[in-house]
């Protein structure tokens, strides 16, 4: 199992923290507001601890569960304290009108985070295509798919193992360059939830049981 530090005591941190503890992982909750981080750790229960931004994360895997605008500044603030760890970026860099991405063409939030991180700190994009509400109450009868992307094969293997410890399925989409496409999928899901379904209690999955030619 893994040792996880989750930066940001919001809905995604709550959902991932609960699943992580259930899967046997150690969880540290980190927030600017120590009281909020402590409260979330208390709600999560045994195995969860709390800390504040600025103190070196204890986990081998650091999950950035913060808004896009905060992600790069937080990584820059930690600097070498992140050396040797794995960063999971879960954010979706939506523009205010939720019709485009806030990142320039040809890049992604995950790539910007990677540029800000120490050279020996691989970044893996994951969880941005699964709503926190769905993670908080996973459907019965099938396994949620978590799409991920990254350049470091070893880091992706570690993240995939963590994902599977949550009772979810990791699906590798390729190098970190694919993070742009995953963020576009996140934007598509927001549009689908707002306009088509009128709710966000849904998930996208991969059907691997279709007919195959022999």
N, C-alpha and C. Protein backbone atom coordinates (compact mmCIF):
# COMPACT_ATOMS: atom_id res chain seq x y z
N UNK A 1 0.83 -1.18 0.00
CA UNK A 1 0.00 0.00 0.00
C UNK A 1 0.87 1.25 0.00
N UNK A 2 0.24 2.41 -0.14
CA UNK A 2 0.99 3.65 -0.31
C UNK A 2 0.78 4.60 0.86
N UNK A 3 1.69 5.57 0.94
CA UNK A 3 1.57 6.68 1.88
C UNK A 3 1.21 7.91 1.06
N UNK A 4 0.05 8.51 1.34
CA UNK A 4 -0.52 9.55 0.49
C UNK A 4 -0.63 10.86 1.24
N UNK A 5 -0.21 11.95 0.61
CA UNK A 5 -0.48 13.29 1.10
C UNK A 5 -1.43 13.96 0.13
N UNK A 6 -2.55 14.47 0.63
CA UNK A 6 -3.54 15.14 -0.22
C UNK A 6 -3.55 16.61 0.14
N UNK A 7 -3.19 17.45 -0.83
CA UNK A 7 -3.19 18.89 -0.60
C UNK A 7 -4.53 19.46 -1.04
N UNK A 8 -5.25 20.05 -0.09
CA UNK A 8 -6.56 20.62 -0.37
C UNK A 8 -7.66 19.84 0.32
N UNK A 9 -8.26 20.38 1.38
CA UNK A 9 -9.27 19.64 2.14
C UNK A 9 -10.69 19.80 1.61
N UNK A 10 -10.88 19.69 0.30
CA UNK A 10 -12.20 19.84 -0.29
C UNK A 10 -12.87 18.52 -0.59
N UNK A 11 -13.85 18.56 -1.51
CA UNK A 11 -14.64 17.37 -1.82
C UNK A 11 -13.83 16.24 -2.42
N UNK A 12 -12.90 16.55 -3.32
CA UNK A 12 -12.08 15.50 -3.92
C UNK A 12 -11.16 14.89 -2.87
N UNK A 13 -10.59 15.72 -2.00
CA UNK A 13 -9.73 15.20 -0.93
C UNK A 13 -10.52 14.28 0.00
N UNK A 14 -11.74 14.66 0.30
CA UNK A 14 -12.58 13.85 1.18
C UNK A 14 -12.87 12.49 0.54
N UNK A 15 -13.24 12.51 -0.74
CA UNK A 15 -13.59 11.26 -1.42
C UNK A 15 -12.38 10.36 -1.58
N UNK A 16 -11.26 10.93 -2.04
CA UNK A 16 -10.06 10.12 -2.23
C UNK A 16 -9.49 9.65 -0.91
N UNK A 17 -9.54 10.51 0.10
CA UNK A 17 -9.03 10.12 1.41
C UNK A 17 -9.79 8.95 2.00
N UNK A 18 -11.10 8.97 1.88
CA UNK A 18 -11.91 7.87 2.41
C UNK A 18 -11.61 6.56 1.69
N UNK A 19 -11.52 6.62 0.36
CA UNK A 19 -11.22 5.41 -0.40
C UNK A 19 -9.81 4.91 -0.10
N UNK A 20 -8.86 5.87 0.04
CA UNK A 20 -7.48 5.48 0.31
C UNK A 20 -7.36 4.75 1.64
N UNK A 21 -8.01 5.26 2.67
CA UNK A 21 -7.96 4.61 3.98
C UNK A 21 -8.62 3.23 3.92
N UNK A 22 -9.74 3.16 3.22
CA UNK A 22 -10.43 1.87 3.08
C UNK A 22 -9.53 0.86 2.38
N UNK A 23 -8.67 1.35 1.47
CA UNK A 23 -7.77 0.47 0.74
C UNK A 23 -6.48 0.17 1.47
N UNK A 24 -6.35 0.65 2.70
CA UNK A 24 -5.17 0.33 3.51
C UNK A 24 -4.02 1.30 3.39
N UNK A 25 -4.24 2.45 2.77
CA UNK A 25 -3.18 3.45 2.61
C UNK A 25 -3.16 4.42 3.80
N UNK A 26 -1.99 4.96 4.10
CA UNK A 26 -1.87 6.03 5.07
C UNK A 26 -2.18 7.35 4.38
N UNK A 27 -2.92 8.23 5.05
CA UNK A 27 -3.38 9.47 4.42
C UNK A 27 -3.03 10.68 5.29
N UNK A 28 -2.39 11.66 4.66
CA UNK A 28 -2.13 12.95 5.29
C UNK A 28 -2.93 14.01 4.53
N UNK A 29 -3.70 14.81 5.25
CA UNK A 29 -4.48 15.89 4.66
C UNK A 29 -3.74 17.20 4.92
N UNK A 30 -3.51 17.96 3.86
CA UNK A 30 -2.76 19.22 3.97
C UNK A 30 -3.63 20.37 3.47
N UNK A 31 -3.69 21.44 4.25
CA UNK A 31 -4.47 22.59 3.84
C UNK A 31 -3.87 23.88 4.36
N UNK A 32 -4.25 25.00 3.73
CA UNK A 32 -3.82 26.30 4.24
C UNK A 32 -4.40 26.57 5.62
N UNK A 33 -5.64 26.12 5.81
CA UNK A 33 -6.33 26.29 7.07
C UNK A 33 -6.13 25.02 7.90
N UNK A 34 -5.34 25.13 8.93
CA UNK A 34 -5.03 23.95 9.75
C UNK A 34 -6.28 23.34 10.35
N UNK A 35 -7.23 24.19 10.75
CA UNK A 35 -8.46 23.68 11.37
C UNK A 35 -9.25 22.83 10.39
N UNK A 36 -9.35 23.29 9.13
CA UNK A 36 -10.09 22.53 8.13
C UNK A 36 -9.41 21.20 7.84
N UNK A 37 -8.09 21.22 7.74
CA UNK A 37 -7.35 19.97 7.49
C UNK A 37 -7.53 19.00 8.66
N UNK A 38 -7.47 19.54 9.87
CA UNK A 38 -7.65 18.69 11.06
C UNK A 38 -9.07 18.13 11.12
N UNK A 39 -10.05 18.94 10.77
CA UNK A 39 -11.43 18.47 10.78
C UNK A 39 -11.63 17.35 9.77
N UNK A 40 -11.07 17.50 8.58
CA UNK A 40 -11.23 16.46 7.57
C UNK A 40 -10.53 15.18 8.00
N UNK A 41 -9.34 15.30 8.56
CA UNK A 41 -8.64 14.10 9.05
C UNK A 41 -9.46 13.40 10.12
N UNK A 42 -10.11 14.18 10.97
CA UNK A 42 -10.95 13.60 12.02
C UNK A 42 -12.15 12.87 11.41
N UNK A 43 -12.75 13.48 10.40
CA UNK A 43 -13.90 12.85 9.73
C UNK A 43 -13.47 11.56 9.03
N UNK A 44 -12.30 11.58 8.40
CA UNK A 44 -11.82 10.40 7.69
C UNK A 44 -11.56 9.25 8.65
N UNK A 45 -11.06 9.58 9.84
CA UNK A 45 -10.90 8.55 10.86
C UNK A 45 -9.49 8.02 11.01
N UNK A 46 -9.40 6.87 11.64
CA UNK A 46 -8.11 6.27 11.98
C UNK A 46 -7.24 6.08 10.74
N UNK A 47 -5.99 6.49 10.84
CA UNK A 47 -5.06 6.38 9.73
C UNK A 47 -4.85 7.69 9.00
N UNK A 48 -5.67 8.71 9.31
CA UNK A 48 -5.54 10.02 8.67
C UNK A 48 -4.90 11.00 9.63
N UNK A 49 -3.99 11.81 9.11
CA UNK A 49 -3.34 12.87 9.88
C UNK A 49 -3.52 14.18 9.14
N UNK A 50 -3.17 15.29 9.79
CA UNK A 50 -3.34 16.61 9.19
C UNK A 50 -2.05 17.41 9.28
N UNK A 51 -1.88 18.29 8.29
CA UNK A 51 -0.73 19.18 8.28
C UNK A 51 -1.11 20.45 7.53
N UNK A 52 -0.21 21.43 7.51
CA UNK A 52 -0.48 22.68 6.81
C UNK A 52 0.49 22.85 5.65
N UNK A 53 0.07 23.64 4.67
CA UNK A 53 0.93 23.92 3.52
C UNK A 53 2.21 24.60 3.99
N UNK A 54 3.33 24.11 3.50
CA UNK A 54 4.63 24.64 3.89
C UNK A 54 5.48 23.59 4.56
N UNK A 55 4.83 22.68 5.28
CA UNK A 55 5.55 21.55 5.89
C UNK A 55 5.71 20.47 4.84
N UNK A 56 6.88 19.87 4.78
CA UNK A 56 7.15 18.85 3.76
C UNK A 56 6.13 17.73 3.84
N UNK A 57 5.50 17.35 2.71
CA UNK A 57 4.52 16.26 2.72
C UNK A 57 5.15 14.96 3.17
N UNK A 58 4.42 14.19 3.96
CA UNK A 58 4.94 12.92 4.45
C UNK A 58 4.79 11.80 3.42
N UNK A 59 3.81 11.92 2.54
CA UNK A 59 3.50 10.83 1.63
C UNK A 59 4.49 10.66 0.49
N UNK A 60 4.61 9.43 0.02
CA UNK A 60 5.41 9.16 -1.19
C UNK A 60 4.68 9.65 -2.43
N UNK A 61 3.35 9.67 -2.37
CA UNK A 61 2.51 10.20 -3.44
C UNK A 61 1.80 11.44 -2.92
N UNK A 62 1.92 12.53 -3.66
CA UNK A 62 1.29 13.80 -3.28
C UNK A 62 0.19 14.12 -4.28
N UNK A 63 -1.06 14.17 -3.80
CA UNK A 63 -2.20 14.46 -4.66
C UNK A 63 -2.53 15.94 -4.56
N UNK A 64 -2.46 16.63 -5.70
CA UNK A 64 -2.84 18.05 -5.75
C UNK A 64 -4.33 18.13 -6.01
N UNK A 65 -5.11 18.24 -4.95
CA UNK A 65 -6.57 18.34 -5.07
C UNK A 65 -6.98 19.79 -4.82
N UNK A 66 -6.43 20.67 -5.66
CA UNK A 66 -6.65 22.11 -5.51
C UNK A 66 -7.10 22.68 -6.85
N UNK A 67 -7.70 23.88 -6.86
CA UNK A 67 -8.05 24.51 -8.13
C UNK A 67 -6.81 24.76 -8.99
N UNK A 68 -7.04 24.82 -10.28
CA UNK A 68 -5.94 25.01 -11.23
C UNK A 68 -5.07 26.21 -10.88
N UNK A 69 -5.68 27.32 -10.53
CA UNK A 69 -4.92 28.55 -10.27
C UNK A 69 -3.95 28.39 -9.10
N UNK A 70 -4.22 27.47 -8.20
CA UNK A 70 -3.38 27.28 -7.01
C UNK A 70 -2.29 26.24 -7.20
N UNK A 71 -2.42 25.40 -8.21
CA UNK A 71 -1.56 24.22 -8.32
C UNK A 71 -0.08 24.57 -8.50
N UNK A 72 0.23 25.34 -9.52
CA UNK A 72 1.64 25.68 -9.78
C UNK A 72 2.25 26.48 -8.63
N UNK A 73 1.57 27.50 -8.09
CA UNK A 73 2.16 28.21 -6.95
C UNK A 73 2.45 27.30 -5.74
N UNK A 74 1.58 26.33 -5.49
CA UNK A 74 1.82 25.41 -4.38
C UNK A 74 3.04 24.55 -4.64
N UNK A 75 3.15 24.02 -5.85
CA UNK A 75 4.31 23.19 -6.20
C UNK A 75 5.59 24.02 -6.11
N UNK A 76 5.56 25.26 -6.59
CA UNK A 76 6.73 26.12 -6.52
C UNK A 76 7.10 26.43 -5.07
N UNK A 77 6.10 26.57 -4.22
CA UNK A 77 6.36 26.87 -2.80
C UNK A 77 7.06 25.70 -2.12
N UNK A 78 6.64 24.47 -2.44
CA UNK A 78 7.26 23.31 -1.83
C UNK A 78 8.66 23.06 -2.37
N UNK A 79 8.86 23.34 -3.64
CA UNK A 79 10.17 23.21 -4.28
C UNK A 79 10.80 21.84 -3.99
N UNK A 80 12.02 21.84 -3.45
CA UNK A 80 12.76 20.59 -3.27
C UNK A 80 12.15 19.65 -2.24
N UNK A 81 11.18 20.13 -1.46
CA UNK A 81 10.51 19.24 -0.50
C UNK A 81 9.72 18.15 -1.23
N UNK A 82 9.47 18.35 -2.53
CA UNK A 82 8.75 17.36 -3.34
C UNK A 82 9.70 16.40 -4.07
N UNK A 83 10.99 16.63 -3.94
CA UNK A 83 11.97 15.81 -4.66
C UNK A 83 11.81 14.34 -4.33
N UNK A 84 11.77 13.51 -5.37
CA UNK A 84 11.68 12.07 -5.18
C UNK A 84 10.29 11.54 -4.96
N UNK A 85 9.31 12.43 -4.85
CA UNK A 85 7.92 12.00 -4.66
C UNK A 85 7.22 11.94 -6.01
N UNK A 86 6.01 11.42 -6.02
CA UNK A 86 5.17 11.39 -7.22
C UNK A 86 4.02 12.35 -6.99
N UNK A 87 3.78 13.23 -7.96
CA UNK A 87 2.65 14.15 -7.88
C UNK A 87 1.52 13.62 -8.76
N UNK A 88 0.32 13.54 -8.19
CA UNK A 88 -0.89 13.26 -8.98
C UNK A 88 -1.65 14.57 -9.11
N UNK A 89 -1.83 15.00 -10.36
CA UNK A 89 -2.61 16.21 -10.63
C UNK A 89 -4.03 15.81 -10.99
N UNK A 90 -5.01 16.30 -10.22
CA UNK A 90 -6.41 15.94 -10.47
C UNK A 90 -7.23 17.12 -11.01
N UNK A 91 -6.60 18.28 -11.19
CA UNK A 91 -7.38 19.48 -11.49
C UNK A 91 -7.84 19.54 -12.95
N UNK A 92 -8.88 20.30 -13.18
CA UNK A 92 -9.36 20.62 -14.52
C UNK A 92 -9.25 22.13 -14.72
N UNK A 93 -8.43 22.57 -15.66
CA UNK A 93 -8.21 24.00 -15.85
C UNK A 93 -9.27 24.64 -16.74
N UNK A 94 -10.48 24.77 -16.21
CA UNK A 94 -11.58 25.32 -16.99
C UNK A 94 -11.52 26.84 -17.01
N UNK A 95 -11.85 27.43 -18.17
CA UNK A 95 -12.05 28.87 -18.25
C UNK A 95 -13.35 29.21 -17.51
N UNK A 96 -13.54 30.48 -17.13
CA UNK A 96 -14.72 30.86 -16.35
C UNK A 96 -16.06 30.48 -16.99
N UNK A 97 -16.12 30.46 -18.34
CA UNK A 97 -17.40 30.14 -18.99
C UNK A 97 -17.61 28.64 -19.17
N UNK A 98 -16.65 27.82 -18.74
CA UNK A 98 -16.74 26.36 -18.81
C UNK A 98 -16.96 25.85 -20.24
N UNK A 99 -16.47 26.59 -21.24
CA UNK A 99 -16.56 26.12 -22.62
C UNK A 99 -15.19 25.88 -23.24
N UNK A 100 -14.13 26.35 -22.59
CA UNK A 100 -12.77 26.16 -23.07
C UNK A 100 -11.85 25.88 -21.88
N UNK A 101 -10.62 25.51 -22.19
CA UNK A 101 -9.61 25.32 -21.15
C UNK A 101 -8.86 26.63 -20.92
N UNK A 102 -8.41 26.83 -19.71
CA UNK A 102 -7.67 28.05 -19.37
C UNK A 102 -6.21 27.97 -19.78
N UNK A 103 -5.73 26.78 -20.08
CA UNK A 103 -4.33 26.61 -20.48
C UNK A 103 -4.16 26.92 -21.96
N UNK A 104 -2.99 27.42 -22.37
CA UNK A 104 -2.74 27.68 -23.79
C UNK A 104 -2.76 26.38 -24.60
N UNK A 105 -3.07 26.51 -25.88
CA UNK A 105 -3.02 25.34 -26.77
C UNK A 105 -1.63 24.72 -26.71
N UNK A 106 -1.60 23.40 -26.73
CA UNK A 106 -0.32 22.69 -26.76
C UNK A 106 0.25 22.36 -25.40
N UNK A 107 -0.45 22.74 -24.34
CA UNK A 107 0.03 22.40 -23.01
C UNK A 107 -1.15 21.98 -22.14
N UNK A 108 -0.89 21.75 -20.86
CA UNK A 108 -1.93 21.29 -19.94
C UNK A 108 -1.57 21.74 -18.53
N UNK A 109 -2.52 21.65 -17.63
CA UNK A 109 -2.23 21.94 -16.23
C UNK A 109 -1.14 21.00 -15.71
N UNK A 110 -1.24 19.72 -16.07
CA UNK A 110 -0.27 18.74 -15.60
C UNK A 110 1.14 19.05 -16.10
N UNK A 111 1.24 19.50 -17.35
CA UNK A 111 2.56 19.84 -17.88
C UNK A 111 3.13 21.09 -17.21
N UNK A 112 2.26 22.06 -16.91
CA UNK A 112 2.73 23.25 -16.19
C UNK A 112 3.21 22.88 -14.78
N UNK A 113 2.50 21.97 -14.14
CA UNK A 113 2.91 21.50 -12.82
C UNK A 113 4.24 20.76 -12.91
N UNK A 114 4.40 19.95 -13.94
CA UNK A 114 5.65 19.22 -14.14
C UNK A 114 6.82 20.18 -14.33
N UNK A 115 6.60 21.25 -15.07
CA UNK A 115 7.66 22.24 -15.29
C UNK A 115 8.07 22.92 -13.99
N UNK A 116 7.11 23.08 -13.06
CA UNK A 116 7.38 23.76 -11.80
C UNK A 116 7.98 22.83 -10.75
N UNK A 117 7.83 21.52 -10.94
CA UNK A 117 8.28 20.54 -9.95
C UNK A 117 9.77 20.25 -10.11
N UNK A 118 10.42 19.72 -9.07
CA UNK A 118 11.82 19.30 -9.19
C UNK A 118 11.96 18.26 -10.31
N UNK A 119 13.15 18.20 -10.88
CA UNK A 119 13.38 17.33 -12.04
C UNK A 119 13.12 15.87 -11.74
N UNK A 120 13.34 15.46 -10.48
CA UNK A 120 13.15 14.05 -10.11
C UNK A 120 11.79 13.79 -9.48
N UNK A 121 10.81 14.64 -9.80
CA UNK A 121 9.46 14.49 -9.28
C UNK A 121 8.49 14.30 -10.43
N UNK A 122 8.20 13.05 -10.79
CA UNK A 122 7.29 12.82 -11.92
C UNK A 122 5.86 13.23 -11.59
N UNK A 123 5.16 13.70 -12.61
CA UNK A 123 3.76 14.11 -12.48
C UNK A 123 2.89 13.15 -13.28
N UNK A 124 1.81 12.69 -12.68
CA UNK A 124 0.85 11.82 -13.35
C UNK A 124 -0.52 12.50 -13.29
N UNK A 125 -1.15 12.64 -14.43
CA UNK A 125 -2.52 13.16 -14.47
C UNK A 125 -3.48 12.01 -14.20
N UNK A 126 -4.40 12.20 -13.27
CA UNK A 126 -5.37 11.14 -12.96
C UNK A 126 -6.54 11.73 -12.17
N UNK A 127 -7.66 11.06 -12.20
CA UNK A 127 -8.87 11.37 -11.43
C UNK A 127 -9.64 12.59 -11.94
N UNK A 128 -9.12 13.32 -12.91
CA UNK A 128 -9.85 14.52 -13.35
C UNK A 128 -11.09 14.18 -14.17
N UNK A 129 -11.22 12.92 -14.60
CA UNK A 129 -12.39 12.51 -15.39
C UNK A 129 -13.40 11.74 -14.54
N UNK A 130 -13.23 11.81 -13.22
CA UNK A 130 -14.20 11.18 -12.30
C UNK A 130 -14.65 12.24 -11.29
N UNK A 131 -15.94 12.50 -11.23
CA UNK A 131 -16.45 13.50 -10.31
C UNK A 131 -16.27 13.04 -8.86
N UNK A 132 -16.00 14.00 -7.98
CA UNK A 132 -15.84 13.69 -6.56
C UNK A 132 -17.09 13.04 -5.99
N UNK A 133 -18.27 13.47 -6.47
CA UNK A 133 -19.52 12.88 -5.97
C UNK A 133 -19.62 11.41 -6.32
N UNK A 134 -19.08 11.02 -7.46
CA UNK A 134 -19.11 9.62 -7.87
C UNK A 134 -18.10 8.82 -7.06
N UNK A 135 -16.91 9.40 -6.83
CA UNK A 135 -15.92 8.72 -5.99
C UNK A 135 -16.42 8.54 -4.57
N UNK A 136 -17.20 9.50 -4.10
CA UNK A 136 -17.71 9.43 -2.73
C UNK A 136 -18.75 8.33 -2.56
N UNK A 137 -19.42 7.98 -3.66
CA UNK A 137 -20.44 6.91 -3.62
C UNK A 137 -20.33 6.09 -4.89
N UNK A 138 -19.27 5.27 -5.01
CA UNK A 138 -19.05 4.49 -6.23
C UNK A 138 -20.24 3.58 -6.52
N UNK A 139 -20.59 3.44 -7.80
CA UNK A 139 -21.73 2.60 -8.15
C UNK A 139 -21.44 1.13 -7.88
N UNK A 140 -22.47 0.39 -7.60
CA UNK A 140 -22.31 -1.05 -7.41
C UNK A 140 -22.48 -1.75 -8.76
N UNK A 141 -21.85 -2.87 -8.90
CA UNK A 141 -22.03 -3.66 -10.11
C UNK A 141 -20.96 -3.49 -11.16
N UNK A 142 -20.20 -2.39 -11.11
CA UNK A 142 -19.08 -2.26 -12.03
C UNK A 142 -18.00 -1.38 -11.41
N UNK A 143 -16.79 -1.47 -11.98
CA UNK A 143 -15.63 -0.77 -11.44
C UNK A 143 -15.42 0.54 -12.19
N UNK A 144 -15.22 1.62 -11.45
CA UNK A 144 -14.94 2.91 -12.08
C UNK A 144 -13.57 2.90 -12.76
N UNK A 145 -13.50 3.50 -13.94
CA UNK A 145 -12.24 3.64 -14.66
C UNK A 145 -11.62 4.99 -14.34
N UNK A 146 -10.32 5.00 -14.06
CA UNK A 146 -9.57 6.23 -13.83
C UNK A 146 -8.52 6.34 -14.93
N UNK A 147 -8.70 7.30 -15.82
CA UNK A 147 -7.76 7.52 -16.91
C UNK A 147 -6.55 8.27 -16.38
N UNK A 148 -5.36 7.86 -16.80
CA UNK A 148 -4.15 8.53 -16.33
C UNK A 148 -3.16 8.72 -17.47
N UNK A 149 -2.24 9.67 -17.27
CA UNK A 149 -1.20 9.94 -18.26
C UNK A 149 0.05 10.40 -17.53
N UNK A 150 1.21 10.03 -18.08
CA UNK A 150 2.48 10.45 -17.46
C UNK A 150 3.65 9.94 -18.28
N UNK A 151 4.80 10.55 -18.07
CA UNK A 151 6.00 10.18 -18.83
C UNK A 151 6.86 9.13 -18.13
N UNK A 152 6.72 8.99 -16.83
CA UNK A 152 7.56 8.09 -16.05
C UNK A 152 6.83 6.77 -15.83
N UNK A 153 7.34 5.70 -16.43
CA UNK A 153 6.66 4.41 -16.37
C UNK A 153 6.55 3.89 -14.94
N UNK A 154 7.61 4.07 -14.14
CA UNK A 154 7.60 3.60 -12.77
C UNK A 154 6.56 4.36 -11.94
N UNK A 155 6.49 5.68 -12.15
CA UNK A 155 5.51 6.49 -11.43
C UNK A 155 4.09 6.07 -11.79
N UNK A 156 3.86 5.84 -13.07
CA UNK A 156 2.52 5.41 -13.50
C UNK A 156 2.17 4.05 -12.90
N UNK A 157 3.15 3.18 -12.77
CA UNK A 157 2.90 1.87 -12.15
C UNK A 157 2.50 2.05 -10.69
N UNK A 158 3.18 2.95 -9.98
CA UNK A 158 2.85 3.20 -8.57
C UNK A 158 1.47 3.83 -8.43
N UNK A 159 1.15 4.77 -9.31
CA UNK A 159 -0.17 5.41 -9.27
C UNK A 159 -1.26 4.41 -9.62
N UNK A 160 -1.00 3.55 -10.60
CA UNK A 160 -1.98 2.53 -10.97
C UNK A 160 -2.23 1.59 -9.79
N UNK A 161 -1.18 1.22 -9.08
CA UNK A 161 -1.35 0.35 -7.91
C UNK A 161 -2.18 1.04 -6.83
N UNK A 162 -1.95 2.34 -6.65
CA UNK A 162 -2.74 3.10 -5.69
C UNK A 162 -4.20 3.14 -6.11
N UNK A 163 -4.44 3.42 -7.38
CA UNK A 163 -5.82 3.46 -7.90
C UNK A 163 -6.52 2.13 -7.66
N UNK A 164 -5.82 1.06 -7.93
CA UNK A 164 -6.44 -0.26 -7.77
C UNK A 164 -6.69 -0.58 -6.30
N UNK A 165 -5.89 0.00 -5.40
CA UNK A 165 -6.13 -0.21 -3.97
C UNK A 165 -7.43 0.46 -3.53
N UNK A 166 -7.92 1.41 -4.33
CA UNK A 166 -9.18 2.08 -4.03
C UNK A 166 -10.39 1.31 -4.56
N UNK A 167 -10.13 0.19 -5.22
CA UNK A 167 -11.22 -0.57 -5.83
C UNK A 167 -11.61 -0.03 -7.20
N UNK A 168 -10.72 0.74 -7.82
CA UNK A 168 -10.96 1.33 -9.13
C UNK A 168 -10.01 0.71 -10.15
N UNK A 169 -10.25 0.99 -11.43
CA UNK A 169 -9.39 0.44 -12.48
C UNK A 169 -8.59 1.56 -13.12
N UNK A 170 -7.27 1.40 -13.18
CA UNK A 170 -6.39 2.37 -13.83
C UNK A 170 -6.28 2.06 -15.31
N UNK A 171 -6.46 3.09 -16.15
CA UNK A 171 -6.37 2.94 -17.60
C UNK A 171 -5.35 3.95 -18.11
N UNK A 172 -4.23 3.45 -18.60
CA UNK A 172 -3.12 4.29 -19.06
C UNK A 172 -3.42 4.83 -20.45
N UNK A 173 -3.38 6.16 -20.61
CA UNK A 173 -3.65 6.77 -21.91
C UNK A 173 -2.38 7.23 -22.63
N UNK A 174 -1.21 7.06 -21.99
CA UNK A 174 0.02 7.43 -22.66
C UNK A 174 0.83 8.47 -21.91
N UNK A 175 1.69 9.21 -22.63
CA UNK A 175 2.59 10.18 -22.00
C UNK A 175 1.85 11.38 -21.44
N UNK A 176 2.58 12.22 -20.71
CA UNK A 176 1.97 13.39 -20.07
C UNK A 176 1.35 14.34 -21.08
N UNK A 177 1.81 14.30 -22.30
CA UNK A 177 1.21 15.11 -23.35
C UNK A 177 -0.29 14.83 -23.49
N UNK A 178 -0.71 13.62 -23.16
CA UNK A 178 -2.12 13.25 -23.23
C UNK A 178 -2.96 13.91 -22.15
N UNK A 179 -2.32 14.53 -21.16
CA UNK A 179 -3.07 15.21 -20.11
C UNK A 179 -3.98 16.28 -20.69
N UNK A 180 -3.54 16.93 -21.76
CA UNK A 180 -4.39 17.93 -22.43
C UNK A 180 -5.71 17.30 -22.87
N UNK A 181 -5.62 16.10 -23.42
CA UNK A 181 -6.83 15.40 -23.88
C UNK A 181 -7.71 15.00 -22.69
N UNK A 182 -7.08 14.58 -21.59
CA UNK A 182 -7.87 14.22 -20.41
C UNK A 182 -8.59 15.44 -19.85
N UNK A 183 -7.93 16.58 -19.88
CA UNK A 183 -8.57 17.80 -19.41
C UNK A 183 -9.70 18.23 -20.33
N UNK A 184 -9.56 17.95 -21.63
CA UNK A 184 -10.67 18.21 -22.57
C UNK A 184 -11.84 17.27 -22.29
N UNK A 185 -11.53 16.02 -21.90
CA UNK A 185 -12.61 15.10 -21.52
C UNK A 185 -13.32 15.63 -20.28
N UNK A 186 -12.58 16.16 -19.33
CA UNK A 186 -13.19 16.76 -18.15
C UNK A 186 -14.12 17.89 -18.52
N UNK A 187 -13.72 18.71 -19.49
CA UNK A 187 -14.55 19.81 -19.96
C UNK A 187 -15.81 19.27 -20.64
N UNK A 188 -15.64 18.23 -21.44
CA UNK A 188 -16.78 17.58 -22.09
C UNK A 188 -17.77 17.04 -21.07
N UNK A 189 -17.26 16.44 -20.00
CA UNK A 189 -18.13 15.89 -18.97
C UNK A 189 -18.92 16.99 -18.26
N UNK A 190 -18.29 18.12 -18.03
CA UNK A 190 -19.01 19.25 -17.42
C UNK A 190 -20.15 19.71 -18.31
N UNK A 191 -19.89 19.81 -19.62
CA UNK A 191 -20.94 20.19 -20.55
C UNK A 191 -22.06 19.18 -20.61
N UNK A 192 -21.70 17.90 -20.61
CA UNK A 192 -22.70 16.84 -20.65
C UNK A 192 -23.57 16.87 -19.39
N UNK A 193 -22.93 17.06 -18.24
CA UNK A 193 -23.69 17.10 -17.00
C UNK A 193 -24.61 18.30 -16.92
N UNK A 194 -24.12 19.45 -17.40
CA UNK A 194 -24.91 20.68 -17.29
C UNK A 194 -26.04 20.74 -18.30
N UNK A 195 -25.76 20.36 -19.55
CA UNK A 195 -26.74 20.54 -20.62
C UNK A 195 -27.56 19.29 -20.92
N UNK A 196 -26.91 18.13 -20.94
CA UNK A 196 -27.61 16.92 -21.38
C UNK A 196 -28.26 16.14 -20.26
N UNK A 197 -27.51 15.87 -19.22
CA UNK A 197 -28.01 15.02 -18.14
C UNK A 197 -28.64 15.80 -16.99
N UNK A 198 -28.23 17.07 -16.85
CA UNK A 198 -28.74 17.92 -15.76
C UNK A 198 -28.30 17.43 -14.37
N UNK A 199 -27.24 16.65 -14.32
CA UNK A 199 -26.66 16.23 -13.04
C UNK A 199 -25.24 15.74 -13.31
N UNK A 200 -24.51 15.50 -12.23
CA UNK A 200 -23.11 15.07 -12.36
C UNK A 200 -22.85 13.72 -11.69
N UNK A 201 -23.89 12.95 -11.54
CA UNK A 201 -23.76 11.63 -10.92
C UNK A 201 -23.60 10.56 -12.01
N UNK A 202 -22.54 10.72 -12.82
CA UNK A 202 -22.28 9.75 -13.89
C UNK A 202 -20.77 9.63 -14.07
N UNK A 203 -20.38 8.59 -14.79
CA UNK A 203 -18.96 8.37 -15.06
C UNK A 203 -18.80 7.83 -16.48
N UNK A 204 -17.61 7.98 -17.01
CA UNK A 204 -17.26 7.42 -18.31
C UNK A 204 -16.39 6.19 -18.08
N UNK A 205 -16.60 5.15 -18.87
CA UNK A 205 -15.83 3.93 -18.70
C UNK A 205 -15.41 3.33 -20.02
N UNK A 206 -14.53 2.34 -19.93
CA UNK A 206 -14.00 1.65 -21.10
C UNK A 206 -14.60 0.26 -21.17
N UNK A 207 -15.26 -0.05 -22.28
CA UNK A 207 -15.83 -1.38 -22.48
C UNK A 207 -14.79 -2.25 -23.15
N UNK A 208 -14.28 -3.23 -22.43
CA UNK A 208 -13.27 -4.13 -22.99
C UNK A 208 -13.86 -5.49 -23.34
N UNK A 209 -15.19 -5.57 -23.40
CA UNK A 209 -15.84 -6.87 -23.62
C UNK A 209 -16.56 -6.92 -24.97
N UNK A 210 -16.21 -6.00 -25.87
CA UNK A 210 -16.84 -6.01 -27.19
C UNK A 210 -16.38 -7.18 -28.02
N UNK A 211 -17.03 -7.40 -29.13
CA UNK A 211 -16.64 -8.50 -30.03
C UNK A 211 -15.26 -8.23 -30.61
N UNK A 212 -14.44 -9.27 -30.65
CA UNK A 212 -13.10 -9.17 -31.21
C UNK A 212 -12.94 -10.25 -32.27
N UNK A 213 -12.32 -9.86 -33.36
CA UNK A 213 -12.03 -10.84 -34.41
C UNK A 213 -10.90 -11.74 -33.97
N UNK A 214 -11.03 -13.00 -34.27
CA UNK A 214 -9.98 -13.94 -33.89
C UNK A 214 -8.86 -13.92 -34.94
